[in-house]
Amino acid sequence: MIISFRSECLADAVLVLAALDCTQCERISIYPDRVFPDVEVEVQGALVLKDFQLAMAQVEDGHVMLETVAQAPRAQNSMCRLI
């Protein structure tokens, strides 16, 4: 399974990844924005979307991650926030 999301900063993405059982991760890719501190993250492995959502809900200001997380490769995820 591939999960992708956008984060307002690298630190928030790292908090989510640290909260997950990343022994189940085959690959983690982080793509920084060229202008803003935002990063796009793609994780491949035996993890489920609900685990990401639960971890993101624990991060202060984790709303951007929650609104952009998808069970899809980065190239298929618009990373647009649902407002």
N, C-alpha and C. Protein backbone atom coordinates (compact mmCIF):
# COMPACT_ATOMS: atom_id res chain seq x y z
N MET A 1 0.84 -1.18 0.00
CA MET A 1 0.00 0.00 0.00
C MET A 1 0.89 1.25 0.00
N ILE A 2 0.42 2.27 -0.68
CA ILE A 2 1.14 3.55 -0.70
C ILE A 2 0.23 4.62 -0.11
N ILE A 3 0.78 5.37 0.84
CA ILE A 3 0.08 6.49 1.47
C ILE A 3 0.88 7.75 1.17
N SER A 4 0.19 8.84 0.84
CA SER A 4 0.89 10.11 0.61
C SER A 4 0.13 11.24 1.31
N PHE A 5 0.88 12.29 1.66
CA PHE A 5 0.27 13.45 2.31
C PHE A 5 1.22 14.63 2.25
N ARG A 6 0.67 15.81 2.54
CA ARG A 6 1.46 17.03 2.64
C ARG A 6 1.49 17.46 4.10
N SER A 7 2.60 18.02 4.49
CA SER A 7 2.78 18.51 5.86
C SER A 7 3.28 19.95 5.80
N GLU A 8 2.88 20.75 6.78
CA GLU A 8 3.32 22.15 6.82
C GLU A 8 4.82 22.28 7.08
N CYS A 9 5.41 21.24 7.67
CA CYS A 9 6.85 21.28 7.91
C CYS A 9 7.36 19.85 8.12
N LEU A 10 8.64 19.69 7.95
CA LEU A 10 9.28 18.39 8.09
C LEU A 10 9.08 17.82 9.49
N ALA A 11 9.16 18.67 10.50
CA ALA A 11 9.03 18.20 11.89
C ALA A 11 7.70 17.50 12.13
N ASP A 12 6.61 18.04 11.58
CA ASP A 12 5.31 17.40 11.75
C ASP A 12 5.27 16.04 11.08
N ALA A 13 5.83 15.94 9.89
CA ALA A 13 5.87 14.66 9.17
C ALA A 13 6.68 13.64 9.96
N VAL A 14 7.78 14.07 10.54
CA VAL A 14 8.63 13.17 11.32
C VAL A 14 7.87 12.68 12.57
N LEU A 15 7.09 13.54 13.19
CA LEU A 15 6.29 13.13 14.35
C LEU A 15 5.32 12.02 13.98
N VAL A 16 4.69 12.14 12.83
CA VAL A 16 3.75 11.11 12.38
C VAL A 16 4.48 9.81 12.11
N LEU A 17 5.58 9.90 11.38
CA LEU A 17 6.33 8.69 11.06
C LEU A 17 6.87 8.00 12.31
N ALA A 18 7.27 8.79 13.29
CA ALA A 18 7.79 8.23 14.54
C ALA A 18 6.69 7.51 15.33
N ALA A 19 5.45 7.95 15.17
CA ALA A 19 4.34 7.34 15.90
C ALA A 19 3.88 6.03 15.26
N LEU A 20 4.29 5.79 14.03
CA LEU A 20 3.88 4.58 13.31
C LEU A 20 4.89 3.45 13.51
N ASP A 21 4.46 2.25 13.23
CA ASP A 21 5.37 1.10 13.26
C ASP A 21 6.08 1.03 11.91
N CYS A 22 7.15 1.79 11.80
CA CYS A 22 7.84 1.90 10.51
C CYS A 22 8.67 0.67 10.17
N THR A 23 8.64 -0.35 11.02
CA THR A 23 9.25 -1.61 10.61
C THR A 23 8.42 -2.21 9.47
N GLN A 24 7.20 -1.71 9.32
CA GLN A 24 6.32 -2.14 8.25
C GLN A 24 6.50 -1.31 6.98
N CYS A 25 7.38 -0.31 7.03
CA CYS A 25 7.62 0.56 5.88
C CYS A 25 8.70 -0.02 4.98
N GLU A 26 8.42 -0.09 3.71
CA GLU A 26 9.41 -0.52 2.73
C GLU A 26 10.20 0.67 2.20
N ARG A 27 9.50 1.82 2.09
CA ARG A 27 10.14 3.02 1.55
C ARG A 27 9.43 4.26 2.08
N ILE A 28 10.23 5.25 2.47
CA ILE A 28 9.71 6.56 2.88
C ILE A 28 10.42 7.60 2.04
N SER A 29 9.65 8.40 1.31
CA SER A 29 10.23 9.46 0.48
C SER A 29 9.66 10.80 0.94
N ILE A 30 10.54 11.78 1.10
CA ILE A 30 10.12 13.12 1.53
C ILE A 30 10.60 14.12 0.49
N TYR A 31 9.67 14.94 -0.01
CA TYR A 31 9.95 15.90 -1.06
C TYR A 31 9.69 17.31 -0.55
N PRO A 32 10.74 18.11 -0.34
CA PRO A 32 10.55 19.48 0.16
C PRO A 32 10.01 20.41 -0.92
N ASP A 33 9.22 21.38 -0.49
CA ASP A 33 8.75 22.43 -1.38
C ASP A 33 9.92 23.37 -1.67
N ARG A 34 9.95 23.94 -2.84
CA ARG A 34 11.08 24.82 -3.21
C ARG A 34 10.99 26.20 -2.57
N VAL A 35 9.78 26.58 -2.14
CA VAL A 35 9.60 27.94 -1.62
C VAL A 35 9.20 27.93 -0.14
N PHE A 36 8.28 27.06 0.20
CA PHE A 36 7.71 27.04 1.55
C PHE A 36 8.30 25.90 2.37
N PRO A 37 8.08 25.89 3.69
CA PRO A 37 8.61 24.81 4.53
C PRO A 37 7.83 23.50 4.38
N ASP A 38 6.79 23.50 3.57
CA ASP A 38 5.97 22.30 3.36
C ASP A 38 6.80 21.15 2.78
N VAL A 39 6.38 19.94 3.10
CA VAL A 39 6.96 18.74 2.48
C VAL A 39 5.83 17.82 2.05
N GLU A 40 6.09 17.05 1.00
CA GLU A 40 5.17 16.00 0.58
C GLU A 40 5.84 14.68 0.93
N VAL A 41 5.05 13.76 1.46
CA VAL A 41 5.58 12.49 1.96
C VAL A 41 4.86 11.34 1.27
N GLU A 42 5.64 10.33 0.92
CA GLU A 42 5.07 9.11 0.34
C GLU A 42 5.67 7.92 1.10
N VAL A 43 4.80 7.07 1.59
CA VAL A 43 5.22 5.90 2.37
C VAL A 43 4.66 4.65 1.72
N GLN A 44 5.52 3.69 1.48
CA GLN A 44 5.08 2.41 0.93
C GLN A 44 5.36 1.33 1.95
N GLY A 45 4.36 0.48 2.20
CA GLY A 45 4.54 -0.59 3.16
C GLY A 45 3.22 -1.19 3.59
N ALA A 46 3.29 -1.98 4.62
CA ALA A 46 2.11 -2.69 5.13
C ALA A 46 1.43 -1.89 6.24
N LEU A 47 1.12 -0.65 5.95
CA LEU A 47 0.43 0.22 6.90
C LEU A 47 -0.95 0.58 6.35
N VAL A 48 -1.84 0.97 7.22
CA VAL A 48 -3.19 1.32 6.78
C VAL A 48 -3.46 2.81 7.00
N LEU A 49 -4.33 3.35 6.18
CA LEU A 49 -4.65 4.77 6.22
C LEU A 49 -5.09 5.22 7.61
N LYS A 50 -5.89 4.42 8.27
CA LYS A 50 -6.41 4.79 9.60
C LYS A 50 -5.27 5.02 10.60
N ASP A 51 -4.19 4.24 10.51
CA ASP A 51 -3.04 4.44 11.40
C ASP A 51 -2.42 5.82 11.19
N PHE A 52 -2.32 6.24 9.94
CA PHE A 52 -1.79 7.57 9.64
C PHE A 52 -2.71 8.65 10.20
N GLN A 53 -4.00 8.48 9.99
CA GLN A 53 -4.96 9.48 10.45
C GLN A 53 -4.91 9.62 11.98
N LEU A 54 -4.81 8.50 12.67
CA LEU A 54 -4.73 8.55 14.14
C LEU A 54 -3.45 9.26 14.60
N ALA A 55 -2.33 8.98 13.95
CA ALA A 55 -1.07 9.63 14.31
C ALA A 55 -1.12 11.12 14.00
N MET A 56 -1.70 11.47 12.88
CA MET A 56 -1.79 12.88 12.47
C MET A 56 -2.68 13.67 13.42
N ALA A 57 -3.71 13.05 13.92
CA ALA A 57 -4.63 13.72 14.84
C ALA A 57 -3.95 14.10 16.15
N GLN A 58 -2.85 13.45 16.48
CA GLN A 58 -2.12 13.74 17.71
C GLN A 58 -1.11 14.88 17.56
N VAL A 59 -0.87 15.32 16.31
CA VAL A 59 0.11 16.38 16.06
C VAL A 59 -0.60 17.74 16.11
N GLU A 60 -0.05 18.63 16.93
CA GLU A 60 -0.60 19.98 16.98
C GLU A 60 -0.50 20.59 15.59
N ASP A 61 -1.56 21.19 15.11
CA ASP A 61 -1.64 21.75 13.75
C ASP A 61 -1.45 20.67 12.68
N GLY A 62 -1.90 19.47 12.96
CA GLY A 62 -1.80 18.38 12.00
C GLY A 62 -2.91 18.37 10.97
N HIS A 63 -3.71 19.45 10.95
CA HIS A 63 -4.87 19.50 10.06
C HIS A 63 -4.51 19.41 8.58
N VAL A 64 -3.39 19.98 8.16
CA VAL A 64 -3.00 19.91 6.74
C VAL A 64 -2.74 18.45 6.35
N MET A 65 -2.06 17.73 7.20
CA MET A 65 -1.80 16.31 6.92
C MET A 65 -3.11 15.53 6.85
N LEU A 66 -3.99 15.76 7.82
CA LEU A 66 -5.27 15.06 7.84
C LEU A 66 -6.11 15.36 6.60
N GLU A 67 -6.02 16.58 6.11
CA GLU A 67 -6.83 16.99 4.97
C GLU A 67 -6.24 16.55 3.63
N THR A 68 -4.98 16.15 3.62
CA THR A 68 -4.35 15.78 2.35
C THR A 68 -3.94 14.32 2.27
N VAL A 69 -4.06 13.56 3.35
CA VAL A 69 -3.63 12.17 3.34
C VAL A 69 -4.54 11.34 2.43
N ALA A 70 -3.92 10.46 1.66
CA ALA A 70 -4.68 9.60 0.74
C ALA A 70 -3.96 8.27 0.56
N GLN A 71 -4.74 7.26 0.31
CA GLN A 71 -4.17 5.96 -0.05
C GLN A 71 -3.93 5.99 -1.55
N ALA A 72 -2.82 6.63 -1.92
CA ALA A 72 -2.48 6.82 -3.32
C ALA A 72 -1.03 7.28 -3.42
N PRO A 73 -0.39 6.98 -4.54
CA PRO A 73 0.96 7.51 -4.75
C PRO A 73 0.93 9.03 -4.81
N ARG A 74 2.03 9.63 -4.51
CA ARG A 74 2.15 11.10 -4.53
C ARG A 74 1.69 11.69 -5.86
N ALA A 75 2.04 11.05 -6.96
CA ALA A 75 1.67 11.56 -8.28
C ALA A 75 0.16 11.57 -8.52
N GLN A 76 -0.58 10.78 -7.76
CA GLN A 76 -2.03 10.72 -7.92
C GLN A 76 -2.79 11.47 -6.83
N ASN A 77 -2.06 12.06 -5.90
CA ASN A 77 -2.65 12.80 -4.79
C ASN A 77 -2.49 14.28 -5.08
N SER A 78 -3.58 15.02 -5.21
CA SER A 78 -3.51 16.45 -5.52
C SER A 78 -2.88 17.25 -4.39
N MET A 79 -2.86 16.70 -3.18
CA MET A 79 -2.34 17.36 -1.98
C MET A 79 -3.14 18.63 -1.64
N CYS A 80 -4.32 18.77 -2.25
CA CYS A 80 -5.16 19.93 -1.97
C CYS A 80 -5.95 19.68 -0.69
N ARG A 81 -6.04 20.72 0.11
CA ARG A 81 -6.78 20.62 1.36
C ARG A 81 -8.27 20.67 1.10
N LEU A 82 -9.00 19.88 1.85
CA LEU A 82 -10.45 19.87 1.76
C LEU A 82 -10.99 20.91 2.74
N ILE A 83 -11.54 21.97 2.21
CA ILE A 83 -12.00 23.06 3.08
C ILE A 83 -13.51 23.14 3.06
